[in-house]
Amino acid sequence: MIRSELLQALCNDNPDLRPEEVEQVVDIFFEEISTRLAEGGRVELRGFGTFSTRKREARIGRNPRTGDSVDVPEKSVPYFKPGKEMRERLNAG
């Protein structure tokens, strides 16, 4: 599902809201998750999962075009752990 499909589905489920209002809610939702992660926090959505960040250590990488070694600095990367209900739903036969 892409963002426009999500907006359309939410508009269909909530005909009392204008499309602009639905888009504003979705924008706020994703902005709040991004802001919390950027601050080093975590976001838990019960039944869905938890978003957090993990540190990726500095390492020596390779430039695929030239094969030269490249220093890759330490960085934070997003991490998602699905909740129990999500895992059960995905594995239901």
PDB file of N, CA and C in Angstrom:
ATOM      1  N   MET A   1       0.850  -1.171   0.000  1.00  0.00           N
ATOM      2  CA  MET A   1       0.000   0.000   0.000  1.00  0.00           C
ATOM      3  C   MET A   1       0.896   1.234   0.000  1.00  0.00           C
ATOM      4  N   ILE A   2       0.562   2.182  -0.830  1.00  0.00           N
ATOM      5  CA  ILE A   2       1.294   3.437  -0.856  1.00  0.00           C
ATOM      6  C   ILE A   2       0.454   4.517  -0.171  1.00  0.00           C
ATOM      7  N   ARG A   3       1.081   5.662   0.084  1.00  0.00           N
ATOM      8  CA  ARG A   3       0.445   6.722   0.857  1.00  0.00           C
ATOM      9  C   ARG A   3      -0.916   7.137   0.276  1.00  0.00           C
ATOM     10  N   SER A   4      -0.994   7.296  -1.034  1.00  0.00           N
ATOM     11  CA  SER A   4      -2.254   7.725  -1.657  1.00  0.00           C
ATOM     12  C   SER A   4      -3.353   6.681  -1.459  1.00  0.00           C
ATOM     13  N   GLU A   5      -2.991   5.395  -1.468  1.00  0.00           N
ATOM     14  CA  GLU A   5      -3.981   4.341  -1.230  1.00  0.00           C
ATOM     15  C   GLU A   5      -4.458   4.382   0.225  1.00  0.00           C
ATOM     16  N   LEU A   6      -3.542   4.655   1.145  1.00  0.00           N
ATOM     17  CA  LEU A   6      -3.918   4.790   2.550  1.00  0.00           C
ATOM     18  C   LEU A   6      -4.887   5.954   2.726  1.00  0.00           C
ATOM     19  N   LEU A   7      -4.570   7.092   2.125  1.00  0.00           N
ATOM     20  CA  LEU A   7      -5.454   8.256   2.226  1.00  0.00           C
ATOM     21  C   LEU A   7      -6.836   7.942   1.653  1.00  0.00           C
ATOM     22  N   GLN A   8      -6.872   7.261   0.514  1.00  0.00           N
ATOM     23  CA  GLN A   8      -8.155   6.921  -0.113  1.00  0.00           C
ATOM     24  C   GLN A   8      -8.968   5.982   0.777  1.00  0.00           C
ATOM     25  N   ALA A   9      -8.308   4.979   1.358  1.00  0.00           N
ATOM     26  CA  ALA A   9      -9.004   4.034   2.239  1.00  0.00           C
ATOM     27  C   ALA A   9      -9.565   4.755   3.468  1.00  0.00           C
ATOM     28  N   LEU A  10      -8.790   5.662   4.040  1.00  0.00           N
ATOM     29  CA  LEU A  10      -9.269   6.414   5.204  1.00  0.00           C
ATOM     30  C   LEU A  10     -10.423   7.341   4.830  1.00  0.00           C
ATOM     31  N   CYS A  11     -10.354   7.941   3.653  1.00  0.00           N
ATOM     32  CA  CYS A  11     -11.462   8.793   3.185  1.00  0.00           C
ATOM     33  C   CYS A  11     -12.735   7.964   2.997  1.00  0.00           C
ATOM     34  N   ASN A  12     -12.584   6.765   2.450  1.00  0.00           N
ATOM     35  CA  ASN A  12     -13.738   5.894   2.232  1.00  0.00           C
ATOM     36  C   ASN A  12     -14.360   5.447   3.560  1.00  0.00           C
ATOM     37  N   ASP A  13     -13.508   5.193   4.566  1.00  0.00           N
ATOM     38  CA  ASP A  13     -13.989   4.751   5.873  1.00  0.00           C
ATOM     39  C   ASP A  13     -14.544   5.886   6.720  1.00  0.00           C
ATOM     40  N   ASN A  14     -14.210   7.137   6.371  1.00  0.00           N
ATOM     41  CA  ASN A  14     -14.629   8.303   7.151  1.00  0.00           C
ATOM     42  C   ASN A  14     -15.212   9.375   6.234  1.00  0.00           C
ATOM     43  N   PRO A  15     -16.397   9.113   5.667  1.00  0.00           N
ATOM     44  CA  PRO A  15     -16.969  10.054   4.703  1.00  0.00           C
ATOM     45  C   PRO A  15     -17.331  11.416   5.311  1.00  0.00           C
ATOM     46  N   ASP A  16     -17.404  11.492   6.649  1.00  0.00           N
ATOM     47  CA  ASP A  16     -17.726  12.758   7.302  1.00  0.00           C
ATOM     48  C   ASP A  16     -16.528  13.715   7.335  1.00  0.00           C
ATOM     49  N   LEU A  17     -15.326  13.221   7.020  1.00  0.00           N
ATOM     50  CA  LEU A  17     -14.131  14.062   6.995  1.00  0.00           C
ATOM     51  C   LEU A  17     -13.782  14.442   5.562  1.00  0.00           C
ATOM     52  N   ARG A  18     -13.323  15.674   5.392  1.00  0.00           N
ATOM     53  CA  ARG A  18     -12.865  16.121   4.073  1.00  0.00           C
ATOM     54  C   ARG A  18     -11.510  15.464   3.783  1.00  0.00           C
ATOM     55  N   PRO A  19     -11.200  15.209   2.519  1.00  0.00           N
ATOM     56  CA  PRO A  19      -9.902  14.606   2.180  1.00  0.00           C
ATOM     57  C   PRO A  19      -8.709  15.393   2.739  1.00  0.00           C
ATOM     58  N   GLU A  20      -8.823  16.718   2.790  1.00  0.00           N
ATOM     59  CA  GLU A  20      -7.749  17.549   3.335  1.00  0.00           C
ATOM     60  C   GLU A  20      -7.539  17.257   4.822  1.00  0.00           C
ATOM     61  N   GLU A  21      -8.636  17.004   5.539  1.00  0.00           N
ATOM     62  CA  GLU A  21      -8.534  16.687   6.965  1.00  0.00           C
ATOM     63  C   GLU A  21      -7.867  15.332   7.173  1.00  0.00           C
ATOM     64  N   VAL A  22      -8.238  14.363   6.360  1.00  0.00           N
ATOM     65  CA  VAL A  22      -7.641  13.030   6.455  1.00  0.00           C
ATOM     66  C   VAL A  22      -6.147  13.121   6.176  1.00  0.00           C
ATOM     67  N   GLU A  23      -5.766  13.871   5.147  1.00  0.00           N
ATOM     68  CA  GLU A  23      -4.354  14.024   4.815  1.00  0.00           C
ATOM     69  C   GLU A  23      -3.590  14.707   5.949  1.00  0.00           C
ATOM     70  N   GLN A  24      -4.212  15.684   6.577  1.00  0.00           N
ATOM     71  CA  GLN A  24      -3.573  16.376   7.697  1.00  0.00           C
ATOM     72  C   GLN A  24      -3.337  15.417   8.873  1.00  0.00           C
ATOM     73  N   VAL A  25      -4.313  14.563   9.158  1.00  0.00           N
ATOM     74  CA  VAL A  25      -4.165  13.585  10.247  1.00  0.00           C
ATOM     75  C   VAL A  25      -3.022  12.621   9.948  1.00  0.00           C
ATOM     76  N   VAL A  26      -2.959  12.127   8.718  1.00  0.00           N
ATOM     77  CA  VAL A  26      -1.900  11.193   8.333  1.00  0.00           C
ATOM     78  C   VAL A  26      -0.532  11.881   8.424  1.00  0.00           C
ATOM     79  N   ASP A  27      -0.448  13.127   7.957  1.00  0.00           N
ATOM     80  CA  ASP A  27       0.809  13.876   8.039  1.00  0.00           C
ATOM     81  C   ASP A  27       1.261  14.041   9.484  1.00  0.00           C
ATOM     82  N   ILE A  28       0.341  14.402  10.361  1.00  0.00           N
ATOM     83  CA  ILE A  28       0.665  14.578  11.783  1.00  0.00           C
ATOM     84  C   ILE A  28       1.118  13.249  12.387  1.00  0.00           C
ATOM     85  N   PHE A  29       0.428  12.174  12.065  1.00  0.00           N
ATOM     86  CA  PHE A  29       0.754  10.848  12.586  1.00  0.00           C
ATOM     87  C   PHE A  29       2.196  10.472  12.249  1.00  0.00           C
ATOM     88  N   PHE A  30       2.550  10.570  10.967  1.00  0.00           N
ATOM     89  CA  PHE A  30       3.902  10.190  10.548  1.00  0.00           C
ATOM     90  C   PHE A  30       4.947  11.170  11.059  1.00  0.00           C
ATOM     91  N   GLU A  31       4.619  12.438  11.135  1.00  0.00           N
ATOM     92  CA  GLU A  31       5.557  13.430  11.651  1.00  0.00           C
ATOM     93  C   GLU A  31       5.868  13.172  13.120  1.00  0.00           C
ATOM     94  N   GLU A  32       4.863  12.817  13.908  1.00  0.00           N
ATOM     95  CA  GLU A  32       5.078  12.528  15.328  1.00  0.00           C
ATOM     96  C   GLU A  32       5.960  11.290  15.522  1.00  0.00           C
ATOM     97  N   ILE A  33       5.741  10.261  14.713  1.00  0.00           N
ATOM     98  CA  ILE A  33       6.590   9.064  14.791  1.00  0.00           C
ATOM     99  C   ILE A  33       8.027   9.433  14.431  1.00  0.00           C
ATOM    100  N   SER A  34       8.214  10.173  13.353  1.00  0.00           N
ATOM    101  CA  SER A  34       9.553  10.565  12.919  1.00  0.00           C
ATOM    102  C   SER A  34      10.256  11.425  13.958  1.00  0.00           C
ATOM    103  N   THR A  35       9.534  12.373  14.541  1.00  0.00           N
ATOM    104  CA  THR A  35      10.113  13.261  15.547  1.00  0.00           C
ATOM    105  C   THR A  35      10.555  12.476  16.766  1.00  0.00           C
ATOM    106  N   ARG A  36       9.711  11.572  17.233  1.00  0.00           N
ATOM    107  CA  ARG A  36      10.055  10.774  18.416  1.00  0.00           C
ATOM    108  C   ARG A  36      11.292   9.913  18.156  1.00  0.00           C
ATOM    109  N   LEU A  37      11.370   9.302  16.976  1.00  0.00           N
ATOM    110  CA  LEU A  37      12.531   8.476  16.645  1.00  0.00           C
ATOM    111  C   LEU A  37      13.794   9.321  16.525  1.00  0.00           C
ATOM    112  N   ALA A  38      13.676  10.509  15.943  1.00  0.00           N
ATOM    113  CA  ALA A  38      14.829  11.400  15.804  1.00  0.00           C
ATOM    114  C   ALA A  38      15.360  11.830  17.166  1.00  0.00           C
ATOM    115  N   GLU A  39      14.484  11.889  18.172  1.00  0.00           N
ATOM    116  CA  GLU A  39      14.883  12.244  19.533  1.00  0.00           C
ATOM    117  C   GLU A  39      15.472  11.052  20.280  1.00  0.00           C
ATOM    118  N   GLY A  40      15.491   9.890  19.643  1.00  0.00           N
ATOM    119  CA  GLY A  40      16.027   8.684  20.273  1.00  0.00           C
ATOM    120  C   GLY A  40      14.992   7.897  21.047  1.00  0.00           C
ATOM    121  N   GLY A  41      13.722   8.274  20.935  1.00  0.00           N
ATOM    122  CA  GLY A  41      12.657   7.573  21.639  1.00  0.00           C
ATOM    123  C   GLY A  41      12.124   6.396  20.855  1.00  0.00           C
ATOM    124  N   ARG A  42      11.030   5.866  21.332  1.00  0.00           N
ATOM    125  CA  ARG A  42      10.373   4.758  20.637  1.00  0.00           C
ATOM    126  C   ARG A  42       8.883   5.031  20.595  1.00  0.00           C
ATOM    127  N   VAL A  43       8.212   4.382  19.647  1.00  0.00           N
ATOM    128  CA  VAL A  43       6.774   4.540  19.470  1.00  0.00           C
ATOM    129  C   VAL A  43       6.157   3.156  19.486  1.00  0.00           C
ATOM    130  N   GLU A  44       5.231   2.934  20.423  1.00  0.00           N
ATOM    131  CA  GLU A  44       4.568   1.638  20.544  1.00  0.00           C
ATOM    132  C   GLU A  44       3.097   1.784  20.177  1.00  0.00           C
ATOM    133  N   LEU A  45       2.674   1.011  19.194  1.00  0.00           N
ATOM    134  CA  LEU A  45       1.276   0.973  18.777  1.00  0.00           C
ATOM    135  C   LEU A  45       0.754  -0.418  19.128  1.00  0.00           C
ATOM    136  N   ARG A  46       0.013  -0.501  20.204  1.00  0.00           N
ATOM    137  CA  ARG A  46      -0.458  -1.802  20.712  1.00  0.00           C
ATOM    138  C   ARG A  46      -1.182  -2.578  19.629  1.00  0.00           C
ATOM    139  N   GLY A  47      -0.828  -3.848  19.521  1.00  0.00           N
ATOM    140  CA  GLY A  47      -1.442  -4.723  18.534  1.00  0.00           C
ATOM    141  C   GLY A  47      -0.795  -4.630  17.163  1.00  0.00           C
ATOM    142  N   PHE A  48      -0.008  -3.574  16.939  1.00  0.00           N
ATOM    143  CA  PHE A  48       0.643  -3.393  15.639  1.00  0.00           C
ATOM    144  C   PHE A  48       2.134  -3.643  15.744  1.00  0.00           C
ATOM    145  N   GLY A  49       2.818  -2.855  16.574  1.00  0.00           N
ATOM    146  CA  GLY A  49       4.247  -3.049  16.733  1.00  0.00           C
ATOM    147  C   GLY A  49       4.920  -1.844  17.349  1.00  0.00           C
ATOM    148  N   THR A  50       6.251  -1.906  17.416  1.00  0.00           N
ATOM    149  CA  THR A  50       7.044  -0.863  18.036  1.00  0.00           C
ATOM    150  C   THR A  50       8.108  -0.371  17.069  1.00  0.00           C
ATOM    151  N   PHE A  51       8.182   0.938  16.927  1.00  0.00           N
ATOM    152  CA  PHE A  51       9.225   1.578  16.138  1.00  0.00           C
ATOM    153  C   PHE A  51      10.291   2.078  17.101  1.00  0.00           C
ATOM    154  N   SER A  52      11.552   1.847  16.770  1.00  0.00           N
ATOM    155  CA  SER A  52      12.655   2.347  17.582  1.00  0.00           C
ATOM    156  C   SER A  52      13.846   2.559  16.651  1.00  0.00           C
ATOM    157  N   THR A  53      14.971   2.968  17.233  1.00  0.00           N
ATOM    158  CA  THR A  53      16.186   3.113  16.445  1.00  0.00           C
ATOM    159  C   THR A  53      17.262   2.224  17.028  1.00  0.00           C
ATOM    160  N   ARG A  54      18.189   1.859  16.188  1.00  0.00           N
ATOM    161  CA  ARG A  54      19.339   1.068  16.619  1.00  0.00           C
ATOM    162  C   ARG A  54      20.584   1.722  16.048  1.00  0.00           C
ATOM    163  N   LYS A  55      21.666   1.601  16.791  1.00  0.00           N
ATOM    164  CA  LYS A  55      22.945   2.132  16.328  1.00  0.00           C
ATOM    165  C   LYS A  55      23.600   1.124  15.397  1.00  0.00           C
ATOM    166  N   ARG A  56      24.086   1.607  14.290  1.00  0.00           N
ATOM    167  CA  ARG A  56      24.881   0.784  13.392  1.00  0.00           C
ATOM    168  C   ARG A  56      26.319   1.283  13.526  1.00  0.00           C
ATOM    169  N   GLU A  57      27.214   0.397  13.913  1.00  0.00           N
ATOM    170  CA  GLU A  57      28.611   0.754  14.167  1.00  0.00           C
ATOM    171  C   GLU A  57      29.305   1.242  12.890  1.00  0.00           C
ATOM    172  N   ALA A  58      30.340   2.054  13.080  1.00  0.00           N
ATOM    173  CA  ALA A  58      31.163   2.485  11.959  1.00  0.00           C
ATOM    174  C   ALA A  58      31.838   1.243  11.357  1.00  0.00           C
ATOM    175  N   ARG A  59      32.071   1.281  10.060  1.00  0.00           N
ATOM    176  CA  ARG A  59      32.666   0.120   9.401  1.00  0.00           C
ATOM    177  C   ARG A  59      33.391   0.556   8.134  1.00  0.00           C
ATOM    178  N   ILE A  60      34.084  -0.370   7.559  1.00  0.00           N
ATOM    179  CA  ILE A  60      34.733  -0.147   6.270  1.00  0.00           C
ATOM    180  C   ILE A  60      33.847  -0.781   5.204  1.00  0.00           C
ATOM    181  N   GLY A  61      33.375   0.033   4.268  1.00  0.00           N
ATOM    182  CA  GLY A  61      32.537  -0.465   3.184  1.00  0.00           C
ATOM    183  C   GLY A  61      33.314  -0.473   1.886  1.00  0.00           C
ATOM    184  N   ARG A  62      32.665  -0.848   0.811  1.00  0.00           N
ATOM    185  CA  ARG A  62      33.306  -0.865  -0.509  1.00  0.00           C
ATOM    186  C   ARG A  62      32.447  -0.083  -1.493  1.00  0.00           C
ATOM    187  N   ASN A  63      33.109   0.706  -2.297  1.00  0.00           N
ATOM    188  CA  ASN A  63      32.429   1.382  -3.394  1.00  0.00           C
ATOM    189  C   ASN A  63      32.182   0.326  -4.468  1.00  0.00           C
ATOM    190  N   PRO A  64      30.926   0.003  -4.780  1.00  0.00           N
ATOM    191  CA  PRO A  64      30.652  -1.083  -5.727  1.00  0.00           C
ATOM    192  C   PRO A  64      31.156  -0.790  -7.146  1.00  0.00           C
ATOM    193  N   ARG A  65      31.282   0.464  -7.483  1.00  0.00           N
ATOM    194  CA  ARG A  65      31.720   0.819  -8.829  1.00  0.00           C
ATOM    195  C   ARG A  65      33.234   0.648  -9.008  1.00  0.00           C
ATOM    196  N   THR A  66      33.992   1.089  -7.964  1.00  0.00           N
ATOM    197  CA  THR A  66      35.454   1.062  -8.090  1.00  0.00           C
ATOM    198  C   THR A  66      36.116  -0.032  -7.261  1.00  0.00           C
ATOM    199  N   GLY A  67      35.407  -0.531  -6.237  1.00  0.00           N
ATOM    200  CA  GLY A  67      35.984  -1.536  -5.361  1.00  0.00           C
ATOM    201  C   GLY A  67      36.846  -0.942  -4.258  1.00  0.00           C
ATOM    202  N   ASP A  68      36.973   0.387  -4.233  1.00  0.00           N
ATOM    203  CA  ASP A  68      37.770   1.056  -3.207  1.00  0.00           C
ATOM    204  C   ASP A  68      37.105   0.951  -1.839  1.00  0.00           C
ATOM    205  N   SER A  69      37.930   0.927  -0.780  1.00  0.00           N
ATOM    206  CA  SER A  69      37.417   0.932   0.595  1.00  0.00           C
ATOM    207  C   SER A  69      36.900   2.320   0.934  1.00  0.00           C
ATOM    208  N   VAL A  70      35.805   2.347   1.676  1.00  0.00           N
ATOM    209  CA  VAL A  70      35.182   3.603   2.071  1.00  0.00           C
ATOM    210  C   VAL A  70      34.842   3.513   3.550  1.00  0.00           C
ATOM    211  N   ASP A  71      35.178   4.573   4.307  1.00  0.00           N
ATOM    212  CA  ASP A  71      34.790   4.625   5.719  1.00  0.00           C
ATOM    213  C   ASP A  71      33.317   4.977   5.816  1.00  0.00           C
ATOM    214  N   VAL A  72      32.544   4.141   6.490  1.00  0.00           N
ATOM    215  CA  VAL A  72      31.126   4.402   6.713  1.00  0.00           C
ATOM    216  C   VAL A  72      30.977   4.739   8.199  1.00  0.00           C
ATOM    217  N   PRO A  73      30.517   5.959   8.526  1.00  0.00           N
ATOM    218  CA  PRO A  73      30.438   6.366   9.930  1.00  0.00           C
ATOM    219  C   PRO A  73      29.312   5.656  10.682  1.00  0.00           C
ATOM    220  N   GLU A  74      29.380   5.718  12.015  1.00  0.00           N
ATOM    221  CA  GLU A  74      28.305   5.194  12.855  1.00  0.00           C
ATOM    222  C   GLU A  74      27.030   5.965  12.558  1.00  0.00           C
ATOM    223  N   LYS A  75      25.897   5.283  12.606  1.00  0.00           N
ATOM    224  CA  LYS A  75      24.629   5.973  12.370  1.00  0.00           C
ATOM    225  C   LYS A  75      23.492   5.233  13.052  1.00  0.00           C
ATOM    226  N   SER A  76      22.384   5.944  13.206  1.00  0.00           N
ATOM    227  CA  SER A  76      21.157   5.354  13.739  1.00  0.00           C
ATOM    228  C   SER A  76      20.280   4.928  12.574  1.00  0.00           C
ATOM    229  N   VAL A  77      19.652   3.768  12.709  1.00  0.00           N
ATOM    230  CA  VAL A  77      18.752   3.278  11.670  1.00  0.00           C
ATOM    231  C   VAL A  77      17.413   2.923  12.310  1.00  0.00           C
ATOM    232  N   PRO A  78      16.306   3.116  11.577  1.00  0.00           N
ATOM    233  CA  PRO A  78      15.001   2.761  12.131  1.00  0.00           C
ATOM    234  C   PRO A  78      14.847   1.252  12.242  1.00  0.00           C
ATOM    235  N   TYR A  79      14.078   0.823  13.230  1.00  0.00           N
ATOM    236  CA  TYR A  79      13.838  -0.600  13.469  1.00  0.00           C
ATOM    237  C   TYR A  79      12.369  -0.770  13.824  1.00  0.00           C
ATOM    238  N   PHE A  80      11.746  -1.805  13.286  1.00  0.00           N
ATOM    239  CA  PHE A  80      10.341  -2.096  13.590  1.00  0.00           C
ATOM    240  C   PHE A  80      10.239  -3.518  14.104  1.00  0.00           C
ATOM    241  N   LYS A  81       9.570  -3.668  15.231  1.00  0.00           N
ATOM    242  CA  LYS A  81       9.312  -5.000  15.775  1.00  0.00           C
ATOM    243  C   LYS A  81       7.793  -5.193  15.796  1.00  0.00           C
ATOM    244  N   PRO A  82       7.270  -6.139  15.029  1.00  0.00           N
ATOM    245  CA  PRO A  82       5.825  -6.347  15.010  1.00  0.00           C
ATOM    246  C   PRO A  82       5.321  -6.848  16.358  1.00  0.00           C
ATOM    247  N   GLY A  83       4.092  -6.439  16.694  1.00  0.00           N
ATOM    248  CA  GLY A  83       3.462  -6.874  17.928  1.00  0.00           C
ATOM    249  C   GLY A  83       2.916  -8.290  17.794  1.00  0.00           C
ATOM    250  N   LYS A  84       2.512  -8.843  18.923  1.00  0.00           N
ATOM    251  CA  LYS A  84       2.012 -10.220  18.963  1.00  0.00           C
ATOM    252  C   LYS A  84       0.797 -10.395  18.051  1.00  0.00           C
ATOM    253  N   GLU A  85      -0.157  -9.470  18.110  1.00  0.00           N
ATOM    254  CA  GLU A  85      -1.352  -9.583  17.262  1.00  0.00           C
ATOM    255  C   GLU A  85      -0.995  -9.537  15.788  1.00  0.00           C
ATOM    256  N   MET A  86      -0.036  -8.686  15.414  1.00  0.00           N
ATOM    257  CA  MET A  86       0.391  -8.590  14.021  1.00  0.00           C
ATOM    258  C   MET A  86       1.026  -9.902  13.574  1.00  0.00           C
ATOM    259  N   ARG A  87       1.912 -10.470  14.388  1.00  0.00           N
ATOM    260  CA  ARG A  87       2.552 -11.740  14.025  1.00  0.00           C
ATOM    261  C   ARG A  87       1.514 -12.843  13.868  1.00  0.00           C
ATOM    262  N   GLU A  88       0.553 -12.903  14.801  1.00  0.00           N
ATOM    263  CA  GLU A  88      -0.490 -13.936  14.703  1.00  0.00           C
ATOM    264  C   GLU A  88      -1.313 -13.769  13.433  1.00  0.00           C
ATOM    265  N   ARG A  89      -1.617 -12.531  13.080  1.00  0.00           N
ATOM    266  CA  ARG A  89      -2.409 -12.258  11.889  1.00  0.00           C
ATOM    267  C   ARG A  89      -1.642 -12.651  10.624  1.00  0.00           C
ATOM    268  N   LEU A  90      -0.358 -12.380  10.609  1.00  0.00           N
ATOM    269  CA  LEU A  90       0.455 -12.709   9.435  1.00  0.00           C
ATOM    270  C   LEU A  90       0.631 -14.216   9.282  1.00  0.00           C
ATOM    271  N   ASN A  91       0.633 -14.949  10.381  1.00  0.00           N
ATOM    272  CA  ASN A  91       0.867 -16.388  10.344  1.00  0.00           C
ATOM    273  C   ASN A  91      -0.404 -17.227  10.385  1.00  0.00           C
ATOM    274  N   ALA A  92      -1.565 -16.573  10.386  1.00  0.00           N
ATOM    275  CA  ALA A  92      -2.834 -17.317  10.375  1.00  0.00           C
ATOM    276  C   ALA A  92      -3.022 -17.964   8.999  1.00  0.00           C
ATOM    277  N   GLY A  93      -3.371 -19.186   8.996  1.00  0.00           N
ATOM    278  CA  GLY A  93      -3.505 -19.938   7.750  1.00  0.00           C
ATOM    279  C   GLY A  93      -4.778 -19.732   7.103  1.00  0.00           C
TER     280      GLY A  93
END
